[in-house]
Structures are given as C-alpha cells and as structure tokens.
Amino acid sequence: MRPIWISAAALAAALGFACAAYAGPGYDDHAVEANAIASMTAADYLAAAGRDDVYEIRAAQLAQTHANSPEVRSAASRLLAGQKTEEAAMKRDLELAGMGDIPPPPLDDRRIVMLGELQAASGPDFDRIFIEQQRSAGEEALALHRGYARHGQDGVLKSAAHHAELMAAKRLSLLDDLPGA
C-alpha cells in the first residue's frame, strides 16, 4: 500500500472549497466579515485592537535586541514608533468620546505562542519569523481597523479605526523593504 501525502496548500484549498460549497450559493466571505464587525461592540473592537497592539509592541521590542540584521532592528524601531503613535491617537480619541483610558487586554494564547517562537529563535531564523509574524499581525490589524471604520457602530471609534487603518497600512509597507520579505 502506498502512503498518500497531501500538502498543506492542497488540504487548505480542499477545505476552503468544501466550506464555500457548504455555505451554499451566494456565499460571500466579505459580507460575513462585515456582518461580524458590524455586530462588534465598541468594547470588542477595543479589546481586539488592544491585543493586537500589545503583541506588535512586544514583538518589536524583542526585535530591537534580538534581530540578526540591522535592517530588521531598524524596522522594529520604526514599527514600535508607529505603534506608539497609533496608541496615543487612540487614547486621545477615547478621551474625546468620554471613554477614558482603557487598559490593554491580556494577550490571547495564539499571540503568546507567537512571542514564544520569537524568543526561542536566533540569527536569520529570528528575522524570518519576525517578518512573517509582523506581516500576518499587520494584515489582521488592517482588516480589523478597516472593517470597524466601515461597519462599526460607534462614530468616534469609526473615525479612530480609520486612522488606525492608515497607520497599519504604513507599518505593513515598512516590511516590504526588508531582506527576505
């Protein structure tokens, strides 16, 4: 009997096809995402954005001291500065909305694992993992902020989310110039 090997990409494609087929005709994943974000409360949005910020800040701090290449260390400093700017703008918007200062939420298990992977890596592996994780986290943040800016319920937070969307896009573009990106 011959073993059957299925690549992760083939499996993901098959599962994606199966999920789309199961969802039926007219299934639109963008509409599902928009509906999920539209039903997101201000507190849910702030918690998701806060978790994302905490992870990206901690990862950038690690990269400032652990990155192999000077380009990655420099990018980490710029990413960290961008996060701090975004955080200050969000705090200002929250004060204007009368929401006060909201403490950052604890990291979820997935982000804790991601930070553990970074801490365990060294040399070029650290740089590669950092870039991959930052791209993934940045794309998630971009989708979150864009989604809330377009479909959120709170007007002040929608404006803040739009600003955060622009900042997230700028941080993502920094990764494009890195070696191996």
N, C-alpha and C. Protein backbone atom coordinates (compact mmCIF):
# COMPACT_ATOMS: atom_id res chain seq x y z
N MET A 1 0.84 -1.17 0.00
CA MET A 1 0.00 0.00 0.00
C MET A 1 0.89 1.24 0.00
N ARG A 2 0.56 2.19 -0.86
CA ARG A 2 1.36 3.39 -1.00
C ARG A 2 0.80 4.49 -0.10
N PRO A 3 1.69 5.20 0.68
CA PRO A 3 1.18 6.28 1.53
C PRO A 3 0.72 7.46 0.67
N ILE A 4 -0.27 8.16 1.17
CA ILE A 4 -0.79 9.33 0.47
C ILE A 4 -0.31 10.57 1.21
N TRP A 5 0.33 11.47 0.48
CA TRP A 5 0.82 12.72 1.06
C TRP A 5 -0.02 13.86 0.50
N ILE A 6 -0.54 14.65 1.37
CA ILE A 6 -1.31 15.81 0.95
C ILE A 6 -0.61 17.05 1.48
N SER A 7 -0.33 17.97 0.58
CA SER A 7 0.33 19.20 1.02
C SER A 7 -0.66 20.05 1.82
N ALA A 8 -0.12 20.91 2.65
CA ALA A 8 -0.97 21.80 3.43
C ALA A 8 -1.78 22.71 2.52
N ALA A 9 -1.17 23.14 1.42
CA ALA A 9 -1.89 24.02 0.48
C ALA A 9 -3.06 23.29 -0.17
N ALA A 10 -2.83 22.03 -0.57
CA ALA A 10 -3.91 21.26 -1.20
C ALA A 10 -5.03 21.01 -0.20
N LEU A 11 -4.66 20.71 1.04
CA LEU A 11 -5.66 20.47 2.07
C LEU A 11 -6.46 21.75 2.34
N ALA A 12 -5.76 22.87 2.45
CA ALA A 12 -6.45 24.14 2.69
C ALA A 12 -7.38 24.49 1.54
N ALA A 13 -6.91 24.26 0.32
CA ALA A 13 -7.76 24.54 -0.85
C ALA A 13 -9.00 23.66 -0.83
N ALA A 14 -8.81 22.39 -0.51
CA ALA A 14 -9.96 21.47 -0.46
C ALA A 14 -10.93 21.88 0.63
N LEU A 15 -10.41 22.24 1.79
CA LEU A 15 -11.29 22.66 2.88
C LEU A 15 -12.00 23.96 2.54
N GLY A 16 -11.28 24.89 1.91
CA GLY A 16 -11.90 26.15 1.50
C GLY A 16 -13.01 25.91 0.51
N PHE A 17 -12.79 25.02 -0.45
CA PHE A 17 -13.82 24.69 -1.43
C PHE A 17 -15.01 24.05 -0.74
N ALA A 18 -14.71 23.14 0.18
CA ALA A 18 -15.80 22.46 0.89
C ALA A 18 -16.61 23.45 1.72
N CYS A 19 -15.93 24.39 2.38
CA CYS A 19 -16.65 25.37 3.19
C CYS A 19 -17.51 26.27 2.32
N ALA A 20 -16.97 26.69 1.17
CA ALA A 20 -17.74 27.54 0.27
C ALA A 20 -18.93 26.76 -0.28
N ALA A 21 -18.71 25.49 -0.60
CA ALA A 21 -19.81 24.66 -1.12
C ALA A 21 -20.86 24.46 -0.03
N TYR A 22 -20.42 24.24 1.20
CA TYR A 22 -21.34 24.04 2.30
C TYR A 22 -22.17 25.29 2.55
N ALA A 23 -21.50 26.45 2.40
CA ALA A 23 -22.19 27.71 2.67
C ALA A 23 -23.30 27.96 1.66
N GLY A 24 -23.21 27.32 0.50
CA GLY A 24 -24.28 27.45 -0.49
C GLY A 24 -24.02 28.56 -1.47
N PRO A 25 -24.89 28.64 -2.46
CA PRO A 25 -24.72 29.66 -3.48
C PRO A 25 -24.87 31.06 -2.90
N GLY A 26 -24.10 31.97 -3.45
CA GLY A 26 -24.18 33.35 -3.00
C GLY A 26 -23.38 33.63 -1.74
N TYR A 27 -22.62 32.65 -1.25
CA TYR A 27 -21.82 32.86 -0.04
C TYR A 27 -20.77 33.93 -0.32
N ASP A 28 -20.65 34.89 0.56
CA ASP A 28 -19.70 35.98 0.40
C ASP A 28 -18.96 36.16 1.71
N ASP A 29 -17.68 35.74 1.74
CA ASP A 29 -16.93 35.83 2.99
C ASP A 29 -16.72 37.27 3.42
N HIS A 30 -16.67 38.22 2.48
CA HIS A 30 -16.53 39.62 2.86
C HIS A 30 -17.78 40.12 3.57
N ALA A 31 -18.93 39.65 3.11
CA ALA A 31 -20.19 40.02 3.77
C ALA A 31 -20.24 39.42 5.17
N VAL A 32 -19.76 38.19 5.31
CA VAL A 32 -19.74 37.55 6.63
C VAL A 32 -18.83 38.35 7.56
N GLU A 33 -17.64 38.75 7.06
CA GLU A 33 -16.71 39.54 7.86
C GLU A 33 -17.35 40.88 8.23
N ALA A 34 -17.97 41.54 7.27
CA ALA A 34 -18.62 42.83 7.53
C ALA A 34 -19.71 42.68 8.58
N ASN A 35 -20.49 41.61 8.49
CA ASN A 35 -21.54 41.38 9.48
C ASN A 35 -20.96 41.13 10.86
N ALA A 36 -19.86 40.38 10.92
CA ALA A 36 -19.22 40.11 12.21
C ALA A 36 -18.71 41.41 12.83
N ILE A 37 -18.09 42.25 12.01
CA ILE A 37 -17.57 43.50 12.53
C ILE A 37 -18.71 44.46 12.86
N ALA A 38 -19.75 44.47 12.06
CA ALA A 38 -20.90 45.35 12.33
C ALA A 38 -21.56 45.00 13.65
N SER A 39 -21.49 43.73 14.04
CA SER A 39 -22.09 43.33 15.31
C SER A 39 -21.11 43.47 16.47
N MET A 40 -19.88 43.87 16.18
CA MET A 40 -18.85 44.03 17.20
C MET A 40 -19.14 45.29 18.02
N THR A 41 -19.16 45.14 19.32
CA THR A 41 -19.36 46.31 20.17
C THR A 41 -18.08 47.13 20.22
N ALA A 42 -18.19 48.34 20.72
CA ALA A 42 -17.01 49.18 20.87
C ALA A 42 -15.99 48.49 21.77
N ALA A 43 -16.47 47.87 22.84
CA ALA A 43 -15.57 47.17 23.77
C ALA A 43 -14.86 46.00 23.08
N ASP A 44 -15.59 45.26 22.22
CA ASP A 44 -14.98 44.15 21.48
C ASP A 44 -13.89 44.66 20.54
N TYR A 45 -14.20 45.74 19.82
CA TYR A 45 -13.22 46.31 18.90
C TYR A 45 -11.98 46.76 19.66
N LEU A 46 -12.18 47.48 20.76
CA LEU A 46 -11.04 47.98 21.53
C LEU A 46 -10.21 46.84 22.10
N ALA A 47 -10.85 45.77 22.54
CA ALA A 47 -10.11 44.62 23.07
C ALA A 47 -9.29 43.96 21.97
N ALA A 48 -9.89 43.77 20.79
CA ALA A 48 -9.16 43.16 19.68
C ALA A 48 -8.00 44.04 19.23
N ALA A 49 -8.24 45.33 19.12
CA ALA A 49 -7.18 46.26 18.72
C ALA A 49 -6.09 46.31 19.78
N GLY A 50 -6.49 46.29 21.04
CA GLY A 50 -5.51 46.34 22.13
C GLY A 50 -4.62 45.11 22.16
N ARG A 51 -5.21 43.93 21.98
CA ARG A 51 -4.41 42.69 21.94
C ARG A 51 -3.41 42.75 20.80
N ASP A 52 -3.87 43.24 19.67
CA ASP A 52 -3.00 43.34 18.51
C ASP A 52 -1.84 44.30 18.79
N ASP A 53 -2.15 45.44 19.39
CA ASP A 53 -1.11 46.42 19.70
C ASP A 53 -0.09 45.86 20.69
N VAL A 54 -0.58 45.22 21.74
CA VAL A 54 0.33 44.66 22.76
C VAL A 54 1.28 43.66 22.12
N TYR A 55 0.75 42.76 21.29
CA TYR A 55 1.61 41.79 20.62
C TYR A 55 2.65 42.50 19.73
N GLU A 56 2.19 43.41 18.88
CA GLU A 56 3.11 44.05 17.94
C GLU A 56 4.19 44.85 18.67
N ILE A 57 3.84 45.49 19.78
CA ILE A 57 4.82 46.25 20.56
C ILE A 57 5.84 45.30 21.17
N ARG A 58 5.38 44.23 21.80
CA ARG A 58 6.33 43.29 22.43
C ARG A 58 7.23 42.63 21.40
N ALA A 59 6.69 42.27 20.25
CA ALA A 59 7.49 41.65 19.20
C ALA A 59 8.54 42.63 18.68
N ALA A 60 8.16 43.88 18.49
CA ALA A 60 9.11 44.88 18.01
C ALA A 60 10.20 45.14 19.05
N GLN A 61 9.84 45.14 20.32
CA GLN A 61 10.84 45.31 21.37
C GLN A 61 11.84 44.15 21.36
N LEU A 62 11.35 42.94 21.17
CA LEU A 62 12.25 41.78 21.05
C LEU A 62 13.18 41.94 19.86
N ALA A 63 12.62 42.37 18.74
CA ALA A 63 13.42 42.50 17.52
C ALA A 63 14.49 43.57 17.65
N GLN A 64 14.25 44.59 18.44
CA GLN A 64 15.26 45.63 18.62
C GLN A 64 16.54 45.06 19.23
N THR A 65 16.41 44.02 20.02
CA THR A 65 17.59 43.45 20.68
C THR A 65 18.01 42.09 20.12
N HIS A 66 17.10 41.36 19.46
CA HIS A 66 17.40 40.01 19.02
C HIS A 66 17.56 39.84 17.51
N ALA A 67 17.17 40.83 16.73
CA ALA A 67 17.23 40.68 15.28
C ALA A 67 18.67 40.52 14.81
N ASN A 68 18.83 39.73 13.78
CA ASN A 68 20.15 39.47 13.22
C ASN A 68 20.62 40.62 12.34
N SER A 69 19.73 41.12 11.51
CA SER A 69 20.15 42.16 10.56
C SER A 69 19.84 43.55 11.09
N PRO A 70 20.72 44.50 10.79
CA PRO A 70 20.47 45.88 11.22
C PRO A 70 19.19 46.46 10.59
N GLU A 71 18.85 45.98 9.38
CA GLU A 71 17.64 46.47 8.72
C GLU A 71 16.39 46.06 9.51
N VAL A 72 16.40 44.83 10.02
CA VAL A 72 15.25 44.36 10.80
C VAL A 72 15.19 45.11 12.13
N ARG A 73 16.34 45.34 12.77
CA ARG A 73 16.35 46.11 14.02
C ARG A 73 15.81 47.52 13.79
N SER A 74 16.23 48.14 12.69
CA SER A 74 15.77 49.48 12.36
C SER A 74 14.27 49.49 12.07
N ALA A 75 13.81 48.50 11.32
CA ALA A 75 12.37 48.40 11.02
C ALA A 75 11.58 48.20 12.31
N ALA A 76 12.12 47.40 13.23
CA ALA A 76 11.43 47.17 14.50
C ALA A 76 11.28 48.49 15.26
N SER A 77 12.31 49.32 15.23
CA SER A 77 12.22 50.62 15.89
C SER A 77 11.15 51.49 15.25
N ARG A 78 11.08 51.47 13.92
CA ARG A 78 10.07 52.26 13.22
C ARG A 78 8.66 51.70 13.47
N LEU A 79 8.54 50.36 13.49
CA LEU A 79 7.25 49.74 13.79
C LEU A 79 6.79 50.11 15.20
N LEU A 80 7.73 50.08 16.14
CA LEU A 80 7.41 50.42 17.52
C LEU A 80 6.98 51.88 17.63
N ALA A 81 7.69 52.77 16.95
CA ALA A 81 7.31 54.19 16.96
C ALA A 81 5.92 54.37 16.37
N GLY A 82 5.62 53.66 15.30
CA GLY A 82 4.30 53.74 14.69
C GLY A 82 3.21 53.24 15.62
N GLN A 83 3.50 52.16 16.34
CA GLN A 83 2.53 51.63 17.30
C GLN A 83 2.28 52.64 18.42
N LYS A 84 3.35 53.26 18.91
CA LYS A 84 3.21 54.23 19.99
C LYS A 84 2.39 55.44 19.53
N THR A 85 2.62 55.87 18.28
CA THR A 85 1.85 56.99 17.72
C THR A 85 0.38 56.61 17.61
N GLU A 86 0.11 55.41 17.11
CA GLU A 86 -1.27 54.94 16.98
C GLU A 86 -1.93 54.82 18.34
N GLU A 87 -1.19 54.32 19.31
CA GLU A 87 -1.73 54.16 20.67
C GLU A 87 -2.10 55.53 21.26
N ALA A 88 -1.24 56.52 21.08
CA ALA A 88 -1.51 57.86 21.59
C ALA A 88 -2.74 58.47 20.91
N ALA A 89 -2.86 58.28 19.61
CA ALA A 89 -4.03 58.80 18.88
C ALA A 89 -5.31 58.13 19.35
N MET A 90 -5.25 56.82 19.58
CA MET A 90 -6.43 56.10 20.05
C MET A 90 -6.83 56.58 21.44
N LYS A 91 -5.85 56.79 22.32
CA LYS A 91 -6.16 57.29 23.67
C LYS A 91 -6.82 58.66 23.59
N ARG A 92 -6.31 59.52 22.71
CA ARG A 92 -6.89 60.85 22.53
C ARG A 92 -8.34 60.73 22.05
N ASP A 93 -8.58 59.85 21.08
CA ASP A 93 -9.94 59.66 20.56
C ASP A 93 -10.87 59.11 21.64
N LEU A 94 -10.36 58.21 22.47
CA LEU A 94 -11.18 57.65 23.54
C LEU A 94 -11.55 58.72 24.56
N GLU A 95 -10.60 59.61 24.86
CA GLU A 95 -10.90 60.70 25.78
C GLU A 95 -11.96 61.62 25.20
N LEU A 96 -11.85 61.92 23.90
CA LEU A 96 -12.85 62.77 23.24
C LEU A 96 -14.23 62.12 23.27
N ALA A 97 -14.25 60.79 23.20
CA ALA A 97 -15.52 60.07 23.21
C ALA A 97 -16.04 59.85 24.63
N GLY A 98 -15.27 60.31 25.63
CA GLY A 98 -15.68 60.14 27.01
C GLY A 98 -15.51 58.73 27.54
N MET A 99 -14.67 57.94 26.86
CA MET A 99 -14.48 56.55 27.27
C MET A 99 -13.31 56.38 28.23
N GLY A 100 -12.51 57.41 28.40
CA GLY A 100 -11.38 57.34 29.31
C GLY A 100 -10.29 56.40 28.83
N ASP A 101 -9.37 56.15 29.72
CA ASP A 101 -8.23 55.29 29.38
C ASP A 101 -8.62 53.83 29.63
N ILE A 102 -8.50 53.01 28.61
CA ILE A 102 -8.85 51.60 28.72
C ILE A 102 -7.56 50.79 28.79
N PRO A 103 -7.36 50.02 29.86
CA PRO A 103 -6.13 49.24 29.97
C PRO A 103 -6.05 48.18 28.87
N PRO A 104 -4.83 47.88 28.41
CA PRO A 104 -4.70 46.87 27.36
C PRO A 104 -5.13 45.50 27.88
N PRO A 105 -5.78 44.73 27.03
CA PRO A 105 -6.22 43.39 27.45
C PRO A 105 -5.03 42.43 27.46
N PRO A 106 -5.17 41.31 28.17
CA PRO A 106 -4.10 40.32 28.13
C PRO A 106 -4.02 39.69 26.74
N LEU A 107 -2.85 39.20 26.41
CA LEU A 107 -2.67 38.52 25.13
C LEU A 107 -3.45 37.22 25.11
N ASP A 108 -3.91 36.84 23.94
CA ASP A 108 -4.56 35.54 23.79
C ASP A 108 -3.48 34.47 23.61
N ASP A 109 -3.90 33.21 23.68
CA ASP A 109 -2.95 32.10 23.60
C ASP A 109 -2.13 32.11 22.31
N ARG A 110 -2.77 32.45 21.21
CA ARG A 110 -2.08 32.44 19.91
C ARG A 110 -0.92 33.44 19.90
N ARG A 111 -1.16 34.61 20.42
CA ARG A 111 -0.10 35.63 20.41
C ARG A 111 0.99 35.29 21.43
N ILE A 112 0.63 34.65 22.51
CA ILE A 112 1.63 34.21 23.49
C ILE A 112 2.56 33.20 22.83
N VAL A 113 1.99 32.27 22.07
CA VAL A 113 2.80 31.28 21.35
C VAL A 113 3.70 31.97 20.33
N MET A 114 3.16 32.96 19.63
CA MET A 114 3.96 33.68 18.64
C MET A 114 5.16 34.36 19.29
N LEU A 115 4.94 35.00 20.43
CA LEU A 115 6.06 35.64 21.13
C LEU A 115 7.06 34.60 21.61
N GLY A 116 6.58 33.44 22.05
CA GLY A 116 7.47 32.36 22.46
C GLY A 116 8.34 31.88 21.31
N GLU A 117 7.75 31.78 20.12
CA GLU A 117 8.53 31.39 18.93
C GLU A 117 9.62 32.41 18.65
N LEU A 118 9.29 33.67 18.80
CA LEU A 118 10.30 34.72 18.58
C LEU A 118 11.42 34.63 19.61
N GLN A 119 11.05 34.46 20.87
CA GLN A 119 12.05 34.40 21.93
C GLN A 119 12.98 33.21 21.76
N ALA A 120 12.47 32.12 21.20
CA ALA A 120 13.28 30.91 21.03
C ALA A 120 14.17 30.98 19.79
N ALA A 121 13.88 31.89 18.88
CA ALA A 121 14.63 31.97 17.62
C ALA A 121 15.86 32.85 17.77
N SER A 122 16.80 32.63 16.86
CA SER A 122 18.00 33.48 16.84
C SER A 122 18.52 33.58 15.41
N GLY A 123 19.38 34.55 15.21
CA GLY A 123 20.02 34.73 13.91
C GLY A 123 19.02 35.00 12.80
N PRO A 124 19.32 34.50 11.60
CA PRO A 124 18.43 34.73 10.46
C PRO A 124 17.03 34.14 10.68
N ASP A 125 16.93 33.07 11.49
CA ASP A 125 15.61 32.50 11.78
C ASP A 125 14.73 33.50 12.53
N PHE A 126 15.34 34.25 13.45
CA PHE A 126 14.58 35.27 14.17
C PHE A 126 14.02 36.28 13.18
N ASP A 127 14.88 36.76 12.30
CA ASP A 127 14.44 37.78 11.33
C ASP A 127 13.29 37.26 10.47
N ARG A 128 13.42 36.04 9.97
CA ARG A 128 12.39 35.45 9.12
C ARG A 128 11.07 35.32 9.88
N ILE A 129 11.12 34.79 11.09
CA ILE A 129 9.91 34.60 11.89
C ILE A 129 9.29 35.96 12.24
N PHE A 130 10.13 36.91 12.61
CA PHE A 130 9.63 38.25 12.94
C PHE A 130 8.89 38.86 11.76
N ILE A 131 9.50 38.81 10.59
CA ILE A 131 8.88 39.40 9.39
C ILE A 131 7.56 38.69 9.07
N GLU A 132 7.56 37.36 9.13
CA GLU A 132 6.33 36.60 8.85
C GLU A 132 5.23 36.96 9.85
N GLN A 133 5.59 37.00 11.12
CA GLN A 133 4.59 37.30 12.15
C GLN A 133 4.08 38.74 12.02
N GLN A 134 4.99 39.67 11.76
CA GLN A 134 4.56 41.06 11.63
C GLN A 134 3.65 41.26 10.43
N ARG A 135 3.95 40.56 9.34
CA ARG A 135 3.08 40.68 8.16
C ARG A 135 1.69 40.13 8.49
N SER A 136 1.65 38.96 9.12
CA SER A 136 0.37 38.35 9.48
C SER A 136 -0.41 39.23 10.46
N ALA A 137 0.27 39.69 11.51
CA ALA A 137 -0.39 40.53 12.51
C ALA A 137 -0.82 41.86 11.90
N GLY A 138 0.01 42.40 11.02
CA GLY A 138 -0.32 43.67 10.37
C GLY A 138 -1.53 43.54 9.47
N GLU A 139 -1.62 42.43 8.75
CA GLU A 139 -2.78 42.20 7.88
C GLU A 139 -4.05 42.02 8.70
N GLU A 140 -3.93 41.33 9.84
CA GLU A 140 -5.08 41.18 10.73
C GLU A 140 -5.53 42.54 11.27
N ALA A 141 -4.55 43.34 11.71
CA ALA A 141 -4.87 44.67 12.25
C ALA A 141 -5.52 45.54 11.18
N LEU A 142 -4.97 45.48 9.98
CA LEU A 142 -5.52 46.27 8.87
C LEU A 142 -6.98 45.88 8.61
N ALA A 143 -7.26 44.58 8.57
CA ALA A 143 -8.63 44.11 8.34
C ALA A 143 -9.56 44.54 9.48
N LEU A 144 -9.08 44.43 10.71
CA LEU A 144 -9.89 44.82 11.86
C LEU A 144 -10.25 46.30 11.79
N HIS A 145 -9.23 47.15 11.63
CA HIS A 145 -9.46 48.59 11.63
C HIS A 145 -10.29 49.02 10.42
N ARG A 146 -9.98 48.46 9.26
CA ARG A 146 -10.74 48.79 8.05
C ARG A 146 -12.20 48.37 8.22
N GLY A 147 -12.39 47.17 8.75
CA GLY A 147 -13.75 46.68 8.95
C GLY A 147 -14.54 47.54 9.92
N TYR A 148 -13.91 47.91 11.04
CA TYR A 148 -14.65 48.73 12.01
C TYR A 148 -14.88 50.13 11.48
N ALA A 149 -13.90 50.68 10.76
CA ALA A 149 -14.06 52.02 10.17
C ALA A 149 -15.25 52.05 9.21
N ARG A 150 -15.48 50.96 8.52
CA ARG A 150 -16.56 50.91 7.53
C ARG A 150 -17.89 50.42 8.09
N HIS A 151 -17.83 49.52 9.08
CA HIS A 151 -19.06 48.86 9.52
C HIS A 151 -19.33 48.96 11.02
N GLY A 152 -18.46 49.65 11.76
CA GLY A 152 -18.62 49.72 13.21
C GLY A 152 -19.83 50.53 13.62
N GLN A 153 -20.15 50.46 14.91
CA GLN A 153 -21.35 51.10 15.43
C GLN A 153 -21.09 52.48 16.04
N ASP A 154 -19.92 52.70 16.60
CA ASP A 154 -19.62 53.94 17.30
C ASP A 154 -18.92 54.93 16.37
N GLY A 155 -19.51 56.10 16.17
CA GLY A 155 -18.98 57.08 15.23
C GLY A 155 -17.57 57.54 15.55
N VAL A 156 -17.29 57.84 16.82
CA VAL A 156 -15.95 58.30 17.19
C VAL A 156 -14.94 57.18 16.96
N LEU A 157 -15.30 55.96 17.34
CA LEU A 157 -14.38 54.84 17.13
C LEU A 157 -14.20 54.52 15.66
N LYS A 158 -15.23 54.74 14.85
CA LYS A 158 -15.09 54.52 13.41
C LYS A 158 -14.02 55.46 12.85
N SER A 159 -14.02 56.69 13.31
CA SER A 159 -13.00 57.65 12.88
C SER A 159 -11.62 57.23 13.37
N ALA A 160 -11.53 56.81 14.62
CA ALA A 160 -10.26 56.34 15.17
C ALA A 160 -9.79 55.09 14.43
N ALA A 161 -10.72 54.21 14.09
CA ALA A 161 -10.37 52.99 13.36
C ALA A 161 -9.83 53.32 11.97
N HIS A 162 -10.39 54.35 11.34
CA HIS A 162 -9.89 54.76 10.02
C HIS A 162 -8.45 55.24 10.14
N HIS A 163 -8.16 56.03 11.16
CA HIS A 163 -6.79 56.49 11.37
C HIS A 163 -5.87 55.31 11.65
N ALA A 164 -6.33 54.38 12.48
CA ALA A 164 -5.54 53.18 12.79
C ALA A 164 -5.32 52.33 11.54
N GLU A 165 -6.31 52.30 10.65
CA GLU A 165 -6.18 51.57 9.38
C GLU A 165 -5.03 52.15 8.56
N LEU A 166 -4.96 53.47 8.47
CA LEU A 166 -3.89 54.12 7.71
C LEU A 166 -2.52 53.82 8.32
N MET A 167 -2.46 53.86 9.65
CA MET A 167 -1.19 53.57 10.34
C MET A 167 -0.78 52.11 10.14
N ALA A 168 -1.74 51.19 10.20
CA ALA A 168 -1.44 49.77 10.00
C ALA A 168 -0.93 49.53 8.58
N ALA A 169 -1.52 50.19 7.60
CA ALA A 169 -1.06 50.04 6.22
C ALA A 169 0.37 50.57 6.07
N LYS A 170 0.67 51.66 6.74
CA LYS A 170 2.02 52.23 6.69
C LYS A 170 3.03 51.27 7.33
N ARG A 171 2.66 50.68 8.47
CA ARG A 171 3.56 49.72 9.12
C ARG A 171 3.79 48.50 8.23
N LEU A 172 2.74 48.04 7.57
CA LEU A 172 2.89 46.89 6.67
C LEU A 172 3.85 47.21 5.53
N SER A 173 3.77 48.42 5.01
CA SER A 173 4.65 48.78 3.88
C SER A 173 6.12 48.80 4.29
N LEU A 174 6.40 49.03 5.57
CA LEU A 174 7.79 49.00 6.05
C LEU A 174 8.41 47.62 5.86
N LEU A 175 7.59 46.59 5.96
CA LEU A 175 8.09 45.22 5.85
C LEU A 175 8.53 44.88 4.44
N ASP A 176 7.96 45.56 3.45
CA ASP A 176 8.27 45.25 2.05
C ASP A 176 9.73 45.51 1.70
N ASP A 177 10.37 46.41 2.42
CA ASP A 177 11.75 46.77 2.11
C ASP A 177 12.78 45.91 2.83
N LEU A 178 12.32 45.00 3.66
CA LEU A 178 13.27 44.19 4.44
C LEU A 178 13.82 43.03 3.62
N PRO A 179 15.07 42.65 3.89
CA PRO A 179 15.63 41.49 3.18
C PRO A 179 14.83 40.23 3.51
N GLY A 180 14.46 39.51 2.49
CA GLY A 180 13.72 38.27 2.67
C GLY A 180 12.22 38.47 2.84
N ALA A 181 11.76 39.71 2.68
CA ALA A 181 10.32 39.98 2.87
C ALA A 181 9.50 39.55 1.68
